[in-house]
């Protein structure tokens, strides 16, 4: 039997896939955009956008969620042209971090109830 090599993740925080209705309003390079969030962690998120971005460009991100205000500063760390951008959070207030943790807990509980319930 062949074994697949296991590569350790560089990621410090585990990602959680988001349901269809999770969106962020964000500003990068003076341009405002609203995008669907594909996945999120305490350290960052992946947003769907057709617009390309440069790695290391900065952004301000506002989540549009029921848990309350979540505002972050972020930097582009991963670019998938035509698909989206991976953003790493660079600043999150304590209050917003609590709301982010609550948001992730909600998504985790949804995925435990039904694997395809999103």
N, C-alpha and C. Protein backbone atom coordinates (compact mmCIF):
# COMPACT_ATOMS: atom_id res chain seq x y z
N UNK A 1 0.85 -1.17 0.00
CA UNK A 1 0.00 0.00 0.00
C UNK A 1 0.90 1.23 0.00
N UNK A 2 0.59 2.19 -0.85
CA UNK A 2 1.34 3.44 -0.91
C UNK A 2 0.84 4.40 0.16
N UNK A 3 1.76 5.08 0.77
CA UNK A 3 1.38 6.07 1.76
C UNK A 3 1.60 7.45 1.20
N UNK A 4 0.66 8.33 1.44
CA UNK A 4 0.78 9.72 1.03
C UNK A 4 1.66 10.45 2.03
N UNK A 5 2.58 11.29 1.56
CA UNK A 5 3.38 12.05 2.51
C UNK A 5 2.50 13.05 3.26
N UNK A 6 2.83 13.27 4.50
CA UNK A 6 2.10 14.21 5.33
C UNK A 6 2.95 15.46 5.48
N UNK A 7 2.40 16.59 5.07
CA UNK A 7 3.11 17.84 5.17
C UNK A 7 2.51 18.65 6.31
N UNK A 8 3.34 19.10 7.22
CA UNK A 8 2.80 19.90 8.33
C UNK A 8 2.27 21.24 7.81
N UNK A 9 1.19 21.70 8.41
CA UNK A 9 0.60 22.97 8.04
C UNK A 9 1.38 24.11 8.69
N UNK A 10 1.56 25.18 7.93
CA UNK A 10 2.18 26.38 8.50
C UNK A 10 1.14 27.21 9.25
N UNK A 11 -0.11 26.84 9.11
CA UNK A 11 -1.21 27.59 9.69
C UNK A 11 -1.23 27.44 11.21
N UNK A 12 -1.31 28.56 11.91
CA UNK A 12 -1.34 28.55 13.37
C UNK A 12 -2.75 28.33 13.91
N UNK A 13 -3.77 28.71 13.14
CA UNK A 13 -5.16 28.60 13.56
C UNK A 13 -5.93 27.76 12.55
N UNK A 14 -6.80 26.87 13.04
CA UNK A 14 -7.56 26.02 12.13
C UNK A 14 -8.64 26.83 11.41
N UNK A 15 -8.85 26.47 10.16
CA UNK A 15 -9.86 27.15 9.35
C UNK A 15 -11.21 26.46 9.50
N UNK A 16 -12.26 27.26 9.33
CA UNK A 16 -13.63 26.74 9.36
C UNK A 16 -14.29 27.19 8.06
N UNK A 17 -14.87 26.23 7.32
CA UNK A 17 -15.62 26.60 6.13
C UNK A 17 -16.86 27.36 6.55
N UNK A 18 -17.26 28.31 5.72
CA UNK A 18 -18.43 29.13 6.05
C UNK A 18 -19.62 28.74 5.19
N UNK A 19 -20.83 28.93 5.72
CA UNK A 19 -22.02 28.70 4.90
C UNK A 19 -22.13 29.78 3.82
N UNK A 20 -23.04 29.60 2.90
CA UNK A 20 -23.20 30.50 1.76
C UNK A 20 -23.41 31.97 2.11
N UNK A 21 -24.07 32.28 3.21
CA UNK A 21 -24.47 33.65 3.49
C UNK A 21 -23.49 34.50 4.28
N UNK A 22 -22.22 34.15 4.29
CA UNK A 22 -21.25 34.93 5.07
C UNK A 22 -20.47 35.84 4.13
N UNK A 23 -20.58 37.15 4.40
CA UNK A 23 -19.98 38.16 3.54
C UNK A 23 -19.18 39.16 4.37
N UNK A 24 -18.22 39.79 3.72
CA UNK A 24 -17.47 40.88 4.33
C UNK A 24 -17.50 42.08 3.39
N UNK A 25 -17.46 43.24 4.00
CA UNK A 25 -17.27 44.49 3.28
C UNK A 25 -15.82 44.86 3.54
N UNK A 26 -15.06 45.10 2.50
CA UNK A 26 -13.65 45.38 2.71
C UNK A 26 -13.12 46.42 1.74
N UNK A 27 -12.05 47.07 2.15
CA UNK A 27 -11.43 48.13 1.36
C UNK A 27 -9.96 47.81 1.19
N UNK A 28 -9.53 47.83 -0.08
CA UNK A 28 -8.14 47.57 -0.42
C UNK A 28 -7.74 48.51 -1.54
N UNK A 29 -6.63 49.19 -1.35
CA UNK A 29 -6.13 50.14 -2.36
C UNK A 29 -7.18 51.18 -2.74
N UNK A 30 -7.95 51.64 -1.75
CA UNK A 30 -8.96 52.67 -1.98
C UNK A 30 -10.21 52.18 -2.68
N UNK A 31 -10.33 50.89 -2.89
CA UNK A 31 -11.50 50.31 -3.57
C UNK A 31 -12.31 49.51 -2.56
N UNK A 32 -13.63 49.80 -2.50
CA UNK A 32 -14.54 49.07 -1.62
C UNK A 32 -15.10 47.87 -2.37
N UNK A 33 -15.27 46.78 -1.65
CA UNK A 33 -15.81 45.57 -2.25
C UNK A 33 -16.57 44.78 -1.20
N UNK A 34 -17.57 44.04 -1.64
CA UNK A 34 -18.28 43.10 -0.79
C UNK A 34 -18.02 41.72 -1.37
N UNK A 35 -17.58 40.78 -0.52
CA UNK A 35 -17.21 39.45 -1.01
C UNK A 35 -17.70 38.37 -0.09
N UNK A 36 -17.95 37.20 -0.67
CA UNK A 36 -18.31 36.02 0.11
C UNK A 36 -17.05 35.48 0.77
N UNK A 37 -17.21 35.03 2.01
CA UNK A 37 -16.11 34.42 2.74
C UNK A 37 -16.18 32.92 2.54
N UNK A 38 -15.11 32.34 2.04
CA UNK A 38 -15.05 30.89 1.81
C UNK A 38 -14.70 30.14 3.09
N UNK A 39 -13.69 30.64 3.83
CA UNK A 39 -13.34 30.06 5.11
C UNK A 39 -12.71 31.13 5.99
N UNK A 40 -12.67 30.84 7.30
CA UNK A 40 -12.17 31.83 8.26
C UNK A 40 -11.47 31.11 9.41
N UNK A 41 -10.51 31.79 10.00
CA UNK A 41 -9.86 31.31 11.22
C UNK A 41 -9.63 32.53 12.10
N UNK A 42 -9.10 32.31 13.29
CA UNK A 42 -8.77 33.45 14.15
C UNK A 42 -7.62 34.27 13.57
N UNK A 43 -6.92 33.70 12.59
CA UNK A 43 -5.78 34.40 12.00
C UNK A 43 -6.03 35.02 10.64
N UNK A 44 -7.16 34.69 9.99
CA UNK A 44 -7.41 35.25 8.66
C UNK A 44 -8.62 34.64 7.99
N UNK A 45 -8.76 34.91 6.69
CA UNK A 45 -9.90 34.41 5.93
C UNK A 45 -9.55 34.35 4.46
N UNK A 46 -10.38 33.64 3.70
CA UNK A 46 -10.27 33.61 2.25
C UNK A 46 -11.54 34.20 1.69
N UNK A 47 -11.43 35.25 0.86
CA UNK A 47 -12.59 35.89 0.25
C UNK A 47 -12.62 35.59 -1.23
N UNK A 48 -13.82 35.38 -1.75
CA UNK A 48 -14.00 35.17 -3.18
C UNK A 48 -14.03 36.54 -3.87
N UNK A 49 -13.20 36.72 -4.87
CA UNK A 49 -13.22 37.93 -5.67
C UNK A 49 -12.58 37.64 -7.02
N UNK A 50 -13.15 38.22 -8.06
CA UNK A 50 -12.57 38.07 -9.39
C UNK A 50 -11.40 39.03 -9.59
N UNK A 51 -11.34 40.05 -8.73
CA UNK A 51 -10.28 41.04 -8.85
C UNK A 51 -8.98 40.48 -8.31
N UNK A 52 -7.91 40.73 -9.04
CA UNK A 52 -6.61 40.27 -8.59
C UNK A 52 -6.08 41.20 -7.52
N UNK A 53 -5.15 40.73 -6.77
CA UNK A 53 -4.55 41.55 -5.73
C UNK A 53 -3.07 41.25 -5.62
N UNK A 54 -2.35 42.18 -5.09
CA UNK A 54 -0.92 41.99 -4.89
C UNK A 54 -0.66 41.48 -3.48
N UNK A 55 0.21 40.49 -3.37
CA UNK A 55 0.59 40.02 -2.05
C UNK A 55 1.19 41.18 -1.28
N UNK A 56 0.95 41.19 0.00
CA UNK A 56 1.43 42.21 0.94
C UNK A 56 0.65 43.52 0.89
N UNK A 57 -0.38 43.64 0.04
CA UNK A 57 -1.21 44.84 0.09
C UNK A 57 -2.11 44.75 1.32
N UNK A 58 -2.50 45.89 1.87
CA UNK A 58 -3.28 45.91 3.10
C UNK A 58 -4.75 46.11 2.82
N UNK A 59 -5.58 45.72 3.79
CA UNK A 59 -7.03 45.84 3.65
C UNK A 59 -7.65 46.08 5.02
N UNK A 60 -8.83 46.69 5.01
CA UNK A 60 -9.67 46.82 6.20
C UNK A 60 -10.90 45.98 5.92
N UNK A 61 -11.27 45.12 6.87
CA UNK A 61 -12.34 44.15 6.67
C UNK A 61 -13.41 44.32 7.74
N UNK A 62 -14.68 44.37 7.31
CA UNK A 62 -15.83 44.43 8.21
C UNK A 62 -16.73 43.24 7.88
N UNK A 63 -16.94 42.36 8.87
CA UNK A 63 -17.83 41.22 8.69
C UNK A 63 -19.28 41.65 8.79
N UNK A 64 -20.13 41.03 7.98
CA UNK A 64 -21.56 41.28 7.99
C UNK A 64 -22.23 40.03 8.58
N UNK A 65 -22.20 39.92 9.94
CA UNK A 65 -22.68 38.71 10.61
C UNK A 65 -23.52 39.05 11.83
N UNK A 66 -24.29 38.07 12.29
CA UNK A 66 -25.19 38.26 13.43
C UNK A 66 -24.48 38.33 14.76
N UNK A 67 -23.24 37.89 14.86
CA UNK A 67 -22.52 37.89 16.13
C UNK A 67 -22.16 39.28 16.62
N UNK A 68 -22.24 40.26 15.75
CA UNK A 68 -21.90 41.62 16.12
C UNK A 68 -20.73 42.14 15.30
N UNK A 69 -20.29 43.31 15.64
CA UNK A 69 -19.23 43.97 14.88
C UNK A 69 -17.93 43.18 14.93
N UNK A 70 -17.38 42.92 13.75
CA UNK A 70 -16.04 42.34 13.65
C UNK A 70 -15.31 43.16 12.60
N UNK A 71 -14.36 43.96 13.05
CA UNK A 71 -13.54 44.78 12.15
C UNK A 71 -12.09 44.38 12.33
N UNK A 72 -11.40 44.21 11.21
CA UNK A 72 -10.01 43.81 11.28
C UNK A 72 -9.18 44.59 10.26
N UNK A 73 -7.91 44.67 10.52
CA UNK A 73 -6.94 45.08 9.52
C UNK A 73 -6.31 43.78 9.03
N UNK A 74 -5.95 43.73 7.76
CA UNK A 74 -5.41 42.50 7.19
C UNK A 74 -4.39 42.82 6.11
N UNK A 75 -3.66 41.79 5.73
CA UNK A 75 -2.70 41.89 4.64
C UNK A 75 -2.92 40.68 3.72
N UNK A 76 -2.81 40.90 2.41
CA UNK A 76 -2.98 39.82 1.44
C UNK A 76 -1.77 38.90 1.52
N UNK A 77 -2.03 37.61 1.77
CA UNK A 77 -0.95 36.64 1.87
C UNK A 77 -1.00 35.58 0.77
N UNK A 78 -2.16 35.42 0.14
CA UNK A 78 -2.31 34.37 -0.87
C UNK A 78 -3.23 34.89 -1.97
N UNK A 79 -2.82 34.72 -3.20
CA UNK A 79 -3.61 35.19 -4.35
C UNK A 79 -3.92 34.00 -5.25
N UNK A 80 -5.21 33.78 -5.54
CA UNK A 80 -5.64 32.79 -6.51
C UNK A 80 -6.41 33.54 -7.59
N UNK A 81 -5.75 33.93 -8.69
CA UNK A 81 -6.40 34.74 -9.73
C UNK A 81 -7.73 34.16 -10.19
N UNK A 82 -8.74 35.02 -10.24
CA UNK A 82 -10.07 34.61 -10.67
C UNK A 82 -10.87 33.89 -9.61
N UNK A 83 -10.24 33.56 -8.49
CA UNK A 83 -10.94 32.83 -7.42
C UNK A 83 -11.04 33.65 -6.14
N UNK A 84 -9.92 34.20 -5.68
CA UNK A 84 -9.99 34.98 -4.46
C UNK A 84 -8.64 35.26 -3.83
N UNK A 85 -8.72 35.78 -2.60
CA UNK A 85 -7.54 36.20 -1.87
C UNK A 85 -7.56 35.65 -0.45
N UNK A 86 -6.41 35.24 0.03
CA UNK A 86 -6.23 34.85 1.42
C UNK A 86 -5.69 36.05 2.18
N UNK A 87 -6.39 36.45 3.22
CA UNK A 87 -5.99 37.61 4.02
C UNK A 87 -5.60 37.17 5.42
N UNK A 88 -4.49 37.69 5.91
CA UNK A 88 -4.04 37.43 7.28
C UNK A 88 -4.39 38.65 8.12
N UNK A 89 -5.05 38.42 9.26
CA UNK A 89 -5.39 39.52 10.15
C UNK A 89 -4.12 40.09 10.78
N UNK A 90 -4.00 41.40 10.78
CA UNK A 90 -2.87 42.07 11.42
C UNK A 90 -3.29 42.81 12.67
N UNK A 91 -4.58 43.12 12.80
CA UNK A 91 -5.10 43.80 13.99
C UNK A 91 -6.58 43.49 14.16
N UNK A 92 -6.94 43.04 15.37
CA UNK A 92 -8.33 42.77 15.74
C UNK A 92 -8.47 43.19 17.20
N UNK A 93 -9.46 44.02 17.51
CA UNK A 93 -9.65 44.43 18.90
C UNK A 93 -10.12 43.23 19.72
N UNK A 94 -9.96 43.30 21.05
CA UNK A 94 -10.38 42.21 21.93
C UNK A 94 -11.87 41.91 21.78
N UNK A 95 -12.69 42.96 21.73
CA UNK A 95 -14.13 42.76 21.58
C UNK A 95 -14.49 42.10 20.26
N UNK A 96 -13.85 42.55 19.20
CA UNK A 96 -14.12 41.96 17.88
C UNK A 96 -13.60 40.52 17.81
N UNK A 97 -12.50 40.24 18.48
CA UNK A 97 -11.96 38.87 18.51
C UNK A 97 -12.94 37.92 19.21
N UNK A 98 -13.61 38.40 20.27
CA UNK A 98 -14.63 37.58 20.93
C UNK A 98 -15.78 37.28 19.97
N UNK A 99 -16.20 38.27 19.20
CA UNK A 99 -17.27 38.04 18.22
C UNK A 99 -16.81 37.08 17.13
N UNK A 100 -15.56 37.19 16.72
CA UNK A 100 -15.00 36.28 15.71
C UNK A 100 -14.98 34.84 16.25
N UNK A 101 -14.60 34.67 17.49
CA UNK A 101 -14.60 33.33 18.10
C UNK A 101 -16.02 32.78 18.16
N UNK A 102 -16.99 33.61 18.50
CA UNK A 102 -18.39 33.18 18.54
C UNK A 102 -18.87 32.77 17.15
N UNK A 103 -18.48 33.52 16.14
CA UNK A 103 -18.83 33.21 14.75
C UNK A 103 -18.27 31.84 14.37
N UNK A 104 -17.02 31.61 14.68
CA UNK A 104 -16.41 30.33 14.34
C UNK A 104 -17.06 29.17 15.10
N UNK A 105 -17.42 29.40 16.36
CA UNK A 105 -18.11 28.36 17.13
C UNK A 105 -19.45 28.01 16.49
N UNK A 106 -20.14 29.02 15.99
CA UNK A 106 -21.43 28.76 15.31
C UNK A 106 -21.22 27.89 14.08
N UNK A 107 -20.20 28.21 13.28
CA UNK A 107 -19.93 27.42 12.08
C UNK A 107 -19.52 25.99 12.43
N UNK A 108 -18.71 25.84 13.48
CA UNK A 108 -18.29 24.49 13.89
C UNK A 108 -19.50 23.67 14.34
N UNK A 109 -20.43 24.29 15.09
CA UNK A 109 -21.59 23.55 15.55
C UNK A 109 -22.48 23.16 14.37
N UNK A 110 -22.58 24.01 13.36
CA UNK A 110 -23.36 23.67 12.16
C UNK A 110 -22.75 22.47 11.44
N UNK A 111 -21.43 22.44 11.33
CA UNK A 111 -20.78 21.35 10.61
C UNK A 111 -20.87 20.04 11.38
N UNK A 112 -20.95 20.08 12.72
CA UNK A 112 -21.10 18.85 13.52
C UNK A 112 -22.50 18.30 13.40
N UNK A 113 -23.50 19.17 13.25
CA UNK A 113 -24.90 18.70 13.19
C UNK A 113 -25.15 17.95 11.90
N UNK A 114 -24.68 18.50 10.80
CA UNK A 114 -24.88 17.85 9.50
C UNK A 114 -23.71 18.25 8.60
N UNK A 115 -22.93 17.28 8.15
CA UNK A 115 -21.73 17.60 7.37
C UNK A 115 -21.99 18.48 6.15
N UNK A 116 -23.15 18.39 5.53
CA UNK A 116 -23.43 19.20 4.34
C UNK A 116 -24.58 20.16 4.60
N UNK A 117 -24.71 20.64 5.83
CA UNK A 117 -25.85 21.49 6.19
C UNK A 117 -25.70 22.94 5.79
N UNK A 118 -24.55 23.31 5.28
CA UNK A 118 -24.35 24.71 4.90
C UNK A 118 -25.24 25.01 3.74
